[in-house]
Amino acid sequence: MSQLIANPANAYQIAEVYAFRNQFDKAFEWLDRAYIRRSGHLSGMKVDPLMKNVHQDPRFGALLKKLNLPN
């Protein structure tokens, strides 16, 4: 399992699942892991339908800022 989680894309995909299930704390925990692992998927999170639930969370805007993506 540790190899599965080591892949940056997998960290983002795990965040998607938590975001879709409205488990925002866990979603942002995994988004942070995806950020640390430099997942390229983060660039599309504004239009990702599985991430739409987290758009209203202040942490979403903070992450966009950290990624230099416009709000």
C-alpha atoms as a PDB file:
ATOM      1  CA  MET A   1       0.000   0.000   0.000  1.00  0.00           C
ATOM      2  CA  SER A   2       2.854   2.445   0.705  1.00  0.00           C
ATOM      3  CA  GLN A   3       3.917   2.263  -2.971  1.00  0.00           C
ATOM      4  CA  LEU A   4       0.366   3.095  -4.015  1.00  0.00           C
ATOM      5  CA  ILE A   5       0.303   6.200  -1.821  1.00  0.00           C
ATOM      6  CA  ALA A   6       3.806   7.260  -2.898  1.00  0.00           C
ATOM      7  CA  ASN A   7       2.535   8.128  -6.378  1.00  0.00           C
ATOM      8  CA  PRO A   8       1.602  11.862  -6.464  1.00  0.00           C
ATOM      9  CA  ALA A   9      -1.462  11.174  -8.596  1.00  0.00           C
ATOM     10  CA  ASN A  10      -2.753   8.721  -6.031  1.00  0.00           C
ATOM     11  CA  ALA A  11      -2.613  11.328  -3.253  1.00  0.00           C
ATOM     12  CA  TYR A  12      -4.784  13.614  -5.375  1.00  0.00           C
ATOM     13  CA  GLN A  13      -7.211  10.802  -6.217  1.00  0.00           C
ATOM     14  CA  ILE A  14      -7.588   9.930  -2.549  1.00  0.00           C
ATOM     15  CA  ALA A  15      -8.337  13.616  -1.889  1.00  0.00           C
ATOM     16  CA  GLU A  16     -11.015  13.471  -4.600  1.00  0.00           C
ATOM     17  CA  VAL A  17     -12.769  10.611  -2.833  1.00  0.00           C
ATOM     18  CA  TYR A  18     -12.785  12.431   0.499  1.00  0.00           C
ATOM     19  CA  ALA A  19     -13.959  15.670  -1.134  1.00  0.00           C
ATOM     20  CA  PHE A  20     -16.810  13.878  -2.899  1.00  0.00           C
ATOM     21  CA  ARG A  21     -17.835  12.320   0.422  1.00  0.00           C
ATOM     22  CA  ASN A  22     -17.798  15.758   2.129  1.00  0.00           C
ATOM     23  CA  GLN A  23     -14.952  14.710   4.416  1.00  0.00           C
ATOM     24  CA  PHE A  24     -13.117  17.987   4.016  1.00  0.00           C
ATOM     25  CA  ASP A  25     -10.469  17.573   6.709  1.00  0.00           C
ATOM     26  CA  LYS A  26      -9.308  14.328   5.140  1.00  0.00           C
ATOM     27  CA  ALA A  27      -9.568  15.801   1.631  1.00  0.00           C
ATOM     28  CA  PHE A  28      -7.275  18.684   2.537  1.00  0.00           C
ATOM     29  CA  GLU A  29      -4.897  16.354   4.336  1.00  0.00           C
ATOM     30  CA  TRP A  30      -4.481  14.455   1.061  1.00  0.00           C
ATOM     31  CA  LEU A  31      -4.384  17.621  -1.029  1.00  0.00           C
ATOM     32  CA  ASP A  32      -1.479  18.752   1.117  1.00  0.00           C
ATOM     33  CA  ARG A  33       0.228  15.429   0.443  1.00  0.00           C
ATOM     34  CA  ALA A  34      -0.413  15.870  -3.283  1.00  0.00           C
ATOM     35  CA  TYR A  35       1.092  19.366  -3.064  1.00  0.00           C
ATOM     36  CA  ILE A  36       4.189  18.098  -1.267  1.00  0.00           C
ATOM     37  CA  ARG A  37       4.558  15.376  -3.898  1.00  0.00           C
ATOM     38  CA  ARG A  38       4.047  17.942  -6.686  1.00  0.00           C
ATOM     39  CA  SER A  39       1.048  16.248  -8.234  1.00  0.00           C
ATOM     40  CA  GLY A  40       0.224  17.686 -11.640  1.00  0.00           C
ATOM     41  CA  HIS A  41      -3.453  16.949 -11.008  1.00  0.00           C
ATOM     42  CA  LEU A  42      -3.685  19.901  -8.640  1.00  0.00           C
ATOM     43  CA  SER A  43      -3.679  22.296 -11.589  1.00  0.00           C
ATOM     44  CA  GLY A  44      -7.111  21.027 -12.638  1.00  0.00           C
ATOM     45  CA  MET A  45      -8.796  20.915  -9.268  1.00  0.00           C
ATOM     46  CA  LYS A  46     -10.867  24.056  -9.962  1.00  0.00           C
ATOM     47  CA  VAL A  47     -12.766  22.233 -12.718  1.00  0.00           C
ATOM     48  CA  ASP A  48     -12.662  18.732 -11.242  1.00  0.00           C
ATOM     49  CA  PRO A  49     -16.299  17.734 -10.552  1.00  0.00           C
ATOM     50  CA  LEU A  50     -15.213  15.529  -7.652  1.00  0.00           C
ATOM     51  CA  MET A  51     -13.655  18.580  -5.965  1.00  0.00           C
ATOM     52  CA  LYS A  52     -16.641  20.937  -6.280  1.00  0.00           C
ATOM     53  CA  ASN A  53     -17.735  20.264  -2.686  1.00  0.00           C
ATOM     54  CA  VAL A  54     -14.555  21.814  -1.258  1.00  0.00           C
ATOM     55  CA  HIS A  55     -14.718  25.065  -3.254  1.00  0.00           C
ATOM     56  CA  GLN A  56     -16.499  26.884  -0.413  1.00  0.00           C
ATOM     57  CA  ASP A  57     -13.924  25.866   2.190  1.00  0.00           C
ATOM     58  CA  PRO A  58     -11.397  28.646   2.956  1.00  0.00           C
ATOM     59  CA  ARG A  59      -8.582  26.104   2.647  1.00  0.00           C
ATOM     60  CA  PHE A  60      -9.432  25.726  -1.042  1.00  0.00           C
ATOM     61  CA  GLY A  61      -8.695  29.386  -1.736  1.00  0.00           C
ATOM     62  CA  ALA A  62      -5.514  29.171   0.309  1.00  0.00           C
ATOM     63  CA  LEU A  63      -4.354  26.164  -1.695  1.00  0.00           C
ATOM     64  CA  LEU A  64      -5.133  27.932  -4.970  1.00  0.00           C
ATOM     65  CA  LYS A  65      -3.037  30.862  -3.792  1.00  0.00           C
ATOM     66  CA  LYS A  66      -0.188  28.527  -2.827  1.00  0.00           C
ATOM     67  CA  LEU A  67      -0.369  27.023  -6.320  1.00  0.00           C
ATOM     68  CA  ASN A  68      -0.461  30.490  -7.929  1.00  0.00           C
ATOM     69  CA  LEU A  69      -3.837  29.710  -9.495  1.00  0.00           C
ATOM     70  CA  PRO A  70      -6.477  32.466  -9.769  1.00  0.00           C
ATOM     71  CA  ASN A  71      -9.531  32.231  -7.530  1.00  0.00           C
END
